[in-house]
Structure formats: C-alpha cells, structure tokens
Amino acid sequence: MEFSAERLSLARKRRRLTGKGLAEAAGVSSVTISRIGIGDNDPDESTVKRLASALNYPLSYFYLDDPDTLDTEAVSFRSLSKMSAKERDAAIGAGRHGLELSDWLEKEFSLPEANLIDLSYEASPENAARSLRSFWGIGEKPIGNMLGLLEVQGVRVFSLAEATKHVDAFSFWRNERPFVFLNNFKTAEHSIYDSAHELGHLVMHHHAGSKLSKVAEREANQFASAFLMPENDVKSRMPNFITVDFIIKAKARWRVSAMAMAYRLHSLELLTDWQYKSACIELGRRGYRLGEPIGVERETSAIWRKVLAHLWKERITKKEIAESIHLPEDELENLIWGLAGQMERPERDTTRSQIRVV
C-alpha cells in the first residue's frame, strides 16, 4: 500500500491544523511533516499511526488513492471575500469527502437522476425562477421542504459543520451531477434561502464557479427570492398596508427569514424605499437581523433518513458505515446533518457486516 500525502494534507485542513500544529500534536518534527507533504519521505507505519491518531482519522484513510480534487474555479462560494484561507480549505475538504461519500452512496442505492435545466440564457432571475418552477410542475405554491425538493430533482445535498458565519454554502457540478453543501451554523431559514441561492447558480451560472461576479451573486439572490416567494402568491396575500408584525407573520408561509420577506416585498414594490428601510430597522431591533426569534424547523436530508433506516434494519451501524468509506465518524455526521447519531439504534446483530444493494 502506498501512503497518500494528499490525504494527509486534506485531513490536516479538515482539522484546521497547520503543518506545525500537526507536528506538535503527533509528536514529530515540522521537517518530517514538510518532507512527507512534498513526497520526499515515505513515512513508516509508526509515524503514520501517530499522524492518524493526532488527526483522529482511521489509518486506512491514508493508504487510499488520492481523493478527487475540486476545481476551485468551478465552485460557487458565498461570502468568499470574508472567508479565511483556513475556512475555505476546510470547506473544500468537506466537499472532497462529500464526493467520496456520494460515490459510495451511488454504488449502494438507486438515487434520483439530475433533473435541472440550463437557464443561463435567461437575463431575468425572476423569469428563470418561474421557468424552473414550471419545469418541475410546482406552480406558485410555497415549497414545504426545499432540501427535499432538491433531492427529488437529483441534486446531491450535504451539510457542513463549519462553526463560522463566513461559510454560507457552496455548489458545483461534477460529471453532470449537481452538488450543494449547506452550513448548519446558520438559521434554518438562512439555510433554506442558501439552498435556493445555490440552485440559482446551478441553473443560471453552470460552471461559472468562483469567477462569479457580484452581479451573478445578486442574480442568485434575486432567483432565490423569486423561487421561494412567487410574485403572484405574495401579491395575492398582502394587505394594503404592510406592518412589521404582518411581515413576521407572513414569513412563516414561505419559510423564509423576516429580512428576506421584507426584501421580497420591496423588490415587488409593495414596500417603498422608506418603508423597507424602516421595516429593516424595526426587525433588527426585535432581533431578526442576527437570527429568527420565531423560526421554522431545520430541514434535513430525506434521502439519508431513508438510507439510514434501511441500514439500521440490516443492523449496519454508524461505525461500519464510516469504516466503509474510511472516514472518522464525526466527519460522516458532519456531512449528513448528524442523522446517524440521531437514528442509530443500540441493538446490533454481529452476523451481518455487508451492506446490501437496494
């Protein structure tokens, strides 16, 4: 078996450690880490065990083929300008692990095929949102579960456990398969909006990635707003005089934040500039700028709930799933909304060890 320096680098970045930090944690020299990283040294097994222990990664992880790379030019990141290099590297690392988990899932289970359309020709995000809703046959009704809708339409959605406000979400295409990664650090409403924002990038800015301009970011925001809160549905339910109390009540129908609701009303000219500014100030005063005092339940993956339910029935444990993909259990949990820990049952049948193909 050949040691993978690339995997060592990836695991280190996922743990947000510098080379020096890893060296100290593993009890080896910084020079050793540097030489391993550039391929000058082929580490002996005892050194790899120290590194694996310091990183809390299985030893087998470091002897796999190098993981697929993510073309950073093809990744749509939100809040990119505010993100530190360490945060960006950790998030990209999560994406690379997500691809490996997705590949394992595709081999074991039959999943929906991608059902998105190319809307790059649309100059209007409003029209693009309307076209996609029409293509999916969902009319103008509110979306009860945005994450579930994406999964049904073949988007592979994973969670991020990045405890930072600077990483919202990111998306990309890989082999004509769309992927979205969402940060659980945000409110449930924020994640729903992020889902729609990334969907806008996937259909309007296919392969544009991190070269996206501020204009493209605005387009994705406009798409998300229009997709989640269709114009006719919103206008038909608004009174002649819209108060802040009404905005807080109304946001529950479309499962968005109060600020997003106010933004949409302003974009539809149902609030004047002055009314919008006043509403934002009042919402901020009530605590809606930093969170949602009255919020909705967080969405999680319906696909992973079904997958895990099947595996538990087969007496496949979380530990065995993690071992199948050679990842730490916490990294698995981070990618699937912590569902494995929530759903796993204590009883176990030791006569089963293989996951059956569905």
Protein backbone atom coordinates (compact mmCIF):
# COMPACT_ATOMS: atom_id res chain seq x y z
CA MET A 1 0.00 0.00 0.00
CA GLU A 2 1.25 3.46 -0.88
CA PHE A 3 0.90 6.37 1.53
CA SER A 4 -1.09 9.36 0.21
CA ALA A 5 0.46 12.71 1.10
CA GLU A 6 -2.56 14.36 -0.47
CA ARG A 7 -4.86 12.68 2.04
CA LEU A 8 -2.64 13.79 4.90
CA SER A 9 -2.93 17.36 3.67
CA LEU A 10 -6.70 17.03 3.31
CA ALA A 11 -7.19 15.56 6.79
CA ARG A 12 -4.97 18.27 8.27
CA LYS A 13 -7.01 21.00 6.58
CA ARG A 14 -10.27 19.42 7.72
CA ARG A 15 -8.94 19.64 11.29
CA ARG A 16 -7.82 23.21 10.59
CA LEU A 17 -4.26 22.48 11.61
CA THR A 18 -1.08 23.98 10.22
CA GLY A 19 1.85 21.70 9.46
CA LYS A 20 3.48 22.88 12.65
CA GLY A 21 0.30 22.26 14.64
CA LEU A 22 0.04 18.73 13.30
CA ALA A 23 3.70 18.07 14.06
CA GLU A 24 3.22 19.14 17.67
CA ALA A 25 0.04 17.09 18.06
CA ALA A 26 1.66 13.98 16.58
CA GLY A 27 4.98 14.35 18.36
CA VAL A 28 7.03 14.55 15.17
CA SER A 29 9.19 17.30 13.72
CA SER A 30 7.89 20.01 11.41
CA VAL A 31 10.59 18.97 8.95
CA THR A 32 9.11 15.46 8.86
CA ILE A 33 5.66 16.84 8.05
CA SER A 34 7.12 19.07 5.35
CA ARG A 35 9.04 16.25 3.72
CA ILE A 36 6.05 13.93 3.81
CA GLY A 37 3.91 16.64 2.28
CA ILE A 38 6.17 17.18 -0.72
CA GLY A 39 6.79 13.47 -1.18
CA ASP A 40 10.44 13.46 -0.13
CA ASN A 41 9.80 10.97 2.66
CA ASP A 42 7.77 7.80 2.59
CA PRO A 43 6.70 7.65 6.26
CA ASP A 44 7.00 4.43 8.20
CA GLU A 45 3.91 2.89 9.73
CA SER A 46 4.65 4.12 13.24
CA THR A 47 4.77 7.73 12.01
CA VAL A 48 1.54 7.32 10.07
CA LYS A 49 -0.11 5.90 13.19
CA ARG A 50 0.95 8.98 15.14
CA LEU A 51 -0.45 11.26 12.45
CA ALA A 52 -3.69 9.30 12.21
CA SER A 53 -4.11 9.41 15.98
CA ALA A 54 -3.44 13.15 16.14
CA LEU A 55 -5.97 13.79 13.39
CA ASN A 56 -8.43 11.17 14.66
CA TYR A 57 -8.64 9.60 11.22
CA PRO A 58 -8.56 5.85 10.51
CA LEU A 59 -5.16 4.54 9.47
CA SER A 60 -6.65 3.05 6.29
CA TYR A 61 -7.66 6.53 5.08
CA PHE A 62 -4.03 7.44 4.35
CA TYR A 63 -3.43 4.42 2.14
CA LEU A 64 -6.27 5.01 -0.30
CA ASP A 65 -5.87 6.54 -3.75
CA ASP A 66 -5.72 10.32 -3.75
CA PRO A 67 -9.23 11.80 -3.46
CA ASP A 68 -10.83 13.63 -6.37
CA THR A 69 -9.90 17.27 -6.48
CA LEU A 70 -12.44 20.06 -6.60
CA ASP A 71 -11.76 22.60 -9.30
CA THR A 72 -11.98 25.74 -7.19
CA GLU A 73 -12.77 27.69 -10.35
CA ALA A 74 -15.94 25.60 -10.66
CA VAL A 75 -17.14 26.06 -7.08
CA SER A 76 -19.67 28.73 -6.19
CA PHE A 77 -18.86 30.12 -2.76
CA ARG A 78 -20.93 32.64 -0.84
CA SER A 79 -19.15 35.12 1.45
CA LEU A 80 -15.91 34.35 -0.37
CA SER A 81 -14.37 37.74 0.36
CA LYS A 82 -14.87 37.28 4.12
CA MET A 83 -13.60 33.71 4.25
CA SER A 84 -10.15 32.96 5.60
CA ALA A 85 -7.87 30.57 3.72
CA LYS A 86 -8.24 28.08 6.58
CA GLU A 87 -12.05 28.24 6.37
CA ARG A 88 -12.00 27.89 2.61
CA ASP A 89 -9.60 24.92 2.70
CA ALA A 90 -11.70 23.18 5.36
CA ALA A 91 -14.90 23.70 3.37
CA ILE A 92 -13.29 22.48 0.14
CA GLY A 93 -12.04 19.45 2.07
CA ALA A 94 -15.57 18.70 3.21
CA GLY A 95 -16.64 18.87 -0.41
CA ARG A 96 -13.99 16.34 -1.43
CA HIS A 97 -15.11 13.96 1.32
CA GLY A 98 -18.71 14.56 0.25
CA LEU A 99 -17.84 13.35 -3.24
CA GLU A 100 -16.41 10.12 -1.81
CA LEU A 101 -19.49 9.61 0.33
CA SER A 102 -21.69 10.33 -2.68
CA ASP A 103 -19.80 7.78 -4.79
CA TRP A 104 -20.30 5.16 -2.08
CA LEU A 105 -23.99 6.02 -1.86
CA GLU A 106 -24.44 5.78 -5.64
CA LYS A 107 -22.96 2.27 -5.62
CA GLU A 108 -25.21 1.05 -2.83
CA PHE A 109 -28.53 2.73 -3.64
CA SER A 110 -30.56 3.91 -6.60
CA LEU A 111 -30.91 7.69 -6.40
CA PRO A 112 -32.82 10.27 -8.49
CA GLU A 113 -31.14 11.48 -11.66
CA ALA A 114 -30.39 15.16 -12.11
CA ASN A 115 -33.43 17.00 -13.42
CA LEU A 116 -32.26 20.59 -13.81
CA ILE A 117 -32.41 22.78 -16.89
CA ASP A 118 -29.88 25.23 -18.28
CA LEU A 119 -31.23 28.72 -17.70
CA SER A 120 -28.02 30.59 -18.50
CA TYR A 121 -29.82 32.25 -21.39
CA GLU A 122 -32.26 33.97 -19.00
CA ALA A 123 -31.36 37.61 -18.38
CA SER A 124 -34.02 37.86 -15.66
CA PRO A 125 -33.64 35.82 -12.44
CA GLU A 126 -37.39 36.30 -11.90
CA ASN A 127 -38.12 34.60 -15.23
CA ALA A 128 -35.55 31.89 -14.51
CA ALA A 129 -37.23 31.06 -11.20
CA ARG A 130 -40.61 30.99 -12.89
CA SER A 131 -39.30 28.73 -15.68
CA LEU A 132 -37.79 26.21 -13.27
CA ARG A 133 -40.97 26.08 -11.19
CA SER A 134 -42.93 25.45 -14.38
CA PHE A 135 -40.46 22.74 -15.50
CA TRP A 136 -40.83 20.98 -12.16
CA GLY A 137 -44.63 21.43 -12.17
CA ILE A 138 -44.85 23.07 -8.77
CA GLY A 139 -46.82 26.15 -9.80
CA GLU A 140 -46.67 29.05 -7.37
CA LYS A 141 -47.39 27.24 -4.12
CA PRO A 142 -44.97 27.61 -1.18
CA ILE A 143 -42.23 24.98 -1.00
CA GLY A 144 -42.77 22.84 2.07
CA ASN A 145 -39.29 21.32 2.04
CA MET A 146 -36.64 22.97 -0.11
CA LEU A 147 -33.94 20.43 0.64
CA GLY A 148 -36.29 17.55 -0.13
CA LEU A 149 -37.25 19.20 -3.43
CA LEU A 150 -33.61 19.45 -4.45
CA GLU A 151 -33.00 15.80 -3.62
CA VAL A 152 -36.05 14.64 -5.58
CA GLN A 153 -34.71 16.57 -8.57
CA GLY A 154 -31.34 14.80 -8.35
CA VAL A 155 -29.26 17.41 -6.52
CA ARG A 156 -26.86 15.81 -4.04
CA VAL A 157 -27.08 17.87 -0.86
CA PHE A 158 -24.70 17.58 2.09
CA SER A 159 -24.29 19.51 5.31
CA LEU A 160 -21.29 21.36 6.64
CA ALA A 161 -20.39 21.65 10.29
CA GLU A 162 -18.27 24.74 9.89
CA ALA A 163 -18.74 26.83 13.04
CA THR A 164 -18.26 30.12 11.24
CA LYS A 165 -20.58 32.76 9.88
CA HIS A 166 -18.29 33.27 6.90
CA VAL A 167 -19.19 30.00 5.14
CA ASP A 168 -22.80 30.04 3.98
CA ALA A 169 -22.97 27.41 1.27
CA PHE A 170 -21.33 26.33 -1.96
CA SER A 171 -22.29 24.39 -5.04
CA PHE A 172 -20.72 22.87 -8.14
CA TRP A 173 -21.26 20.44 -10.98
CA ARG A 174 -19.28 17.21 -11.21
CA ASN A 175 -19.81 14.82 -14.13
CA GLU A 176 -23.18 16.47 -14.83
CA ARG A 177 -24.24 15.86 -11.24
CA PRO A 178 -25.13 18.96 -9.19
CA PHE A 179 -23.91 19.24 -5.59
CA VAL A 180 -24.87 21.66 -2.81
CA PHE A 181 -23.21 21.95 0.60
CA LEU A 182 -25.02 23.89 3.36
CA ASN A 183 -23.61 25.22 6.61
CA ASN A 184 -25.64 24.17 9.67
CA PHE A 185 -24.19 27.08 11.63
CA LYS A 186 -26.85 29.30 10.04
CA THR A 187 -30.53 29.51 10.97
CA ALA A 188 -32.99 27.12 9.32
CA GLU A 189 -34.44 29.98 7.26
CA HIS A 190 -30.96 31.05 6.17
CA SER A 191 -30.18 27.51 5.01
CA ILE A 192 -33.42 27.33 3.02
CA TYR A 193 -32.53 30.60 1.31
CA ASP A 194 -28.97 29.36 0.72
CA SER A 195 -30.41 26.23 -0.93
CA ALA A 196 -32.39 28.36 -3.37
CA HIS A 197 -29.42 30.69 -3.91
CA GLU A 198 -27.17 27.77 -4.86
CA LEU A 199 -29.91 26.35 -7.08
CA GLY A 200 -29.85 29.68 -8.90
CA HIS A 201 -26.12 29.32 -9.51
CA LEU A 202 -26.53 25.73 -10.70
CA VAL A 203 -29.12 26.59 -13.34
CA MET A 204 -28.07 30.14 -14.29
CA HIS A 205 -24.28 30.03 -13.92
CA HIS A 206 -23.36 26.48 -14.84
CA HIS A 207 -19.55 26.08 -14.48
CA ALA A 208 -19.00 29.79 -13.85
CA GLY A 209 -17.87 28.95 -10.31
CA SER A 210 -15.72 31.26 -8.25
CA LYS A 211 -15.30 33.57 -11.24
CA LEU A 212 -18.84 34.68 -10.49
CA SER A 213 -19.16 38.42 -10.32
CA LYS A 214 -21.08 40.48 -7.81
CA VAL A 215 -23.75 40.75 -10.50
CA ALA A 216 -24.08 36.96 -10.57
CA GLU A 217 -24.38 36.90 -6.77
CA ARG A 218 -27.19 39.45 -6.97
CA GLU A 219 -28.83 37.33 -9.66
CA ALA A 220 -28.67 34.25 -7.43
CA ASN A 221 -30.21 36.25 -4.57
CA GLN A 222 -32.98 37.50 -6.86
CA PHE A 223 -33.55 33.97 -8.13
CA ALA A 224 -33.78 32.60 -4.56
CA SER A 225 -36.22 35.31 -3.55
CA ALA A 226 -38.44 34.75 -6.59
CA PHE A 227 -38.23 30.96 -6.38
CA LEU A 228 -39.19 30.82 -2.70
CA MET A 229 -41.75 33.65 -2.81
CA PRO A 230 -43.51 33.67 -6.22
CA GLU A 231 -44.79 37.10 -7.20
CA ASN A 232 -48.46 36.26 -7.69
CA ASP A 233 -48.71 34.25 -4.48
CA VAL A 234 -47.11 37.03 -2.47
CA LYS A 235 -49.15 39.84 -4.00
CA SER A 236 -52.42 37.99 -3.53
CA ARG A 237 -51.85 37.73 0.22
CA MET A 238 -50.62 41.19 1.08
CA PRO A 239 -52.85 43.85 2.71
CA ASN A 240 -52.87 47.45 1.53
CA PHE A 241 -50.73 48.50 4.49
CA ILE A 242 -47.94 46.11 5.46
CA THR A 243 -46.69 46.29 9.04
CA VAL A 244 -43.64 44.69 10.62
CA ASP A 245 -45.97 42.43 12.61
CA PHE A 246 -47.53 41.27 9.34
CA ILE A 247 -44.09 40.59 7.82
CA ILE A 248 -43.19 38.39 10.80
CA LYS A 249 -46.49 36.53 10.45
CA ALA A 250 -46.28 36.25 6.65
CA LYS A 251 -42.74 34.84 6.54
CA ALA A 252 -43.95 31.55 8.00
CA ARG A 253 -45.95 30.78 4.84
CA TRP A 254 -42.85 30.84 2.62
CA ARG A 255 -40.47 29.62 5.36
CA VAL A 256 -38.00 32.46 4.91
CA SER A 257 -36.39 34.96 7.25
CA ALA A 258 -38.16 38.17 8.15
CA MET A 259 -35.43 40.15 6.37
CA ALA A 260 -35.82 38.04 3.22
CA MET A 261 -39.58 38.61 3.36
CA ALA A 262 -39.09 42.36 3.62
CA TYR A 263 -36.56 42.26 0.76
CA ARG A 264 -39.04 40.46 -1.46
CA LEU A 265 -41.84 42.89 -0.66
CA HIS A 266 -39.56 45.79 -1.51
CA SER A 267 -38.44 44.18 -4.79
CA LEU A 268 -42.11 43.74 -5.75
CA GLU A 269 -42.70 47.43 -4.92
CA LEU A 270 -45.12 46.53 -2.14
CA LEU A 271 -42.87 48.48 0.24
CA THR A 272 -41.42 51.87 -0.61
CA ASP A 273 -37.74 52.56 -0.03
CA TRP A 274 -38.61 54.36 3.20
CA GLN A 275 -40.97 51.60 4.38
CA TYR A 276 -38.36 48.94 3.62
CA LYS A 277 -35.63 50.79 5.48
CA SER A 278 -37.94 51.37 8.46
CA ALA A 279 -39.02 47.71 8.47
CA CYS A 280 -35.39 46.52 8.47
CA ILE A 281 -34.53 48.83 11.36
CA GLU A 282 -37.51 47.60 13.37
CA LEU A 283 -36.81 43.95 12.55
CA GLY A 284 -33.23 44.44 13.66
CA ARG A 285 -34.42 45.98 16.90
CA ARG A 286 -36.56 42.90 17.51
CA GLY A 287 -33.62 40.54 16.97
CA TYR A 288 -34.34 39.44 13.39
CA ARG A 289 -31.07 40.66 11.92
CA LEU A 290 -28.97 38.14 13.85
CA GLY A 291 -31.47 35.29 13.95
CA GLU A 292 -35.12 34.26 13.85
CA PRO A 293 -36.77 34.55 17.31
CA ILE A 294 -39.76 32.79 15.76
CA GLY A 295 -38.22 30.23 13.41
CA VAL A 296 -39.02 27.12 11.43
CA GLU A 297 -37.70 23.59 11.87
CA ARG A 298 -34.39 22.86 10.22
CA GLU A 299 -34.57 20.75 7.07
CA THR A 300 -32.51 17.58 6.83
CA SER A 301 -31.92 15.03 4.10
CA ALA A 302 -34.87 12.77 3.30
CA ILE A 303 -32.59 10.53 1.24
CA TRP A 304 -30.21 9.95 4.13
CA ARG A 305 -33.09 9.26 6.51
CA LYS A 306 -34.27 6.51 4.16
CA VAL A 307 -30.75 5.18 3.63
CA LEU A 308 -30.02 5.06 7.36
CA ALA A 309 -33.38 3.49 8.16
CA HIS A 310 -32.57 0.71 5.68
CA LEU A 311 -29.07 0.23 7.08
CA TRP A 312 -30.27 0.09 10.66
CA LYS A 313 -32.78 -2.57 9.62
CA GLU A 314 -29.83 -4.54 8.24
CA ARG A 315 -28.01 -3.96 11.55
CA ILE A 316 -25.37 -1.80 9.86
CA THR A 317 -24.01 0.61 12.46
CA LYS A 318 -22.68 4.15 12.08
CA LYS A 319 -19.20 2.82 12.80
CA GLU A 320 -19.48 0.32 9.96
CA ILE A 321 -20.68 2.99 7.53
CA ALA A 322 -17.71 5.19 8.46
CA GLU A 323 -15.35 2.24 8.07
CA SER A 324 -16.80 1.52 4.61
CA ILE A 325 -15.76 4.96 3.42
CA HIS A 326 -12.62 5.18 5.61
CA LEU A 327 -13.72 8.40 7.32
CA PRO A 328 -13.95 9.34 11.01
CA GLU A 329 -17.46 9.03 12.42
CA ASP A 330 -17.60 12.75 13.15
CA GLU A 331 -16.80 13.58 9.52
CA LEU A 332 -19.63 11.30 8.39
CA GLU A 333 -22.01 13.00 10.84
CA ASN A 334 -20.90 16.43 9.65
CA LEU A 335 -21.90 15.59 6.09
CA ILE A 336 -25.34 14.13 6.84
CA TRP A 337 -26.80 16.56 9.40
CA GLY A 338 -25.88 14.37 12.36
CA LEU A 339 -28.64 11.96 11.35
CA ALA A 340 -26.62 8.81 12.01
CA GLY A 341 -26.27 9.71 15.67
CA GLN A 342 -29.96 10.59 15.96
CA MET A 343 -31.29 7.45 14.28
CA GLU A 344 -28.90 4.67 15.22
CA ARG A 345 -30.35 2.01 17.49
CA PRO A 346 -28.34 0.32 20.23
CA GLU A 347 -29.11 -3.30 19.30
CA ARG A 348 -26.77 -5.00 16.87
CA ASP A 349 -26.64 -8.29 15.02
CA THR A 350 -22.98 -9.26 14.62
CA THR A 351 -23.81 -11.81 11.94
CA ARG A 352 -24.28 -9.01 9.37
CA SER A 353 -21.39 -6.97 8.05
CA GLN A 354 -22.17 -6.27 4.40
CA ILE A 355 -24.45 -3.53 3.08
CA ARG A 356 -26.88 -4.82 0.52
CA VAL A 357 -27.50 -3.03 -2.76
CA VAL A 358 -31.05 -1.71 -2.98
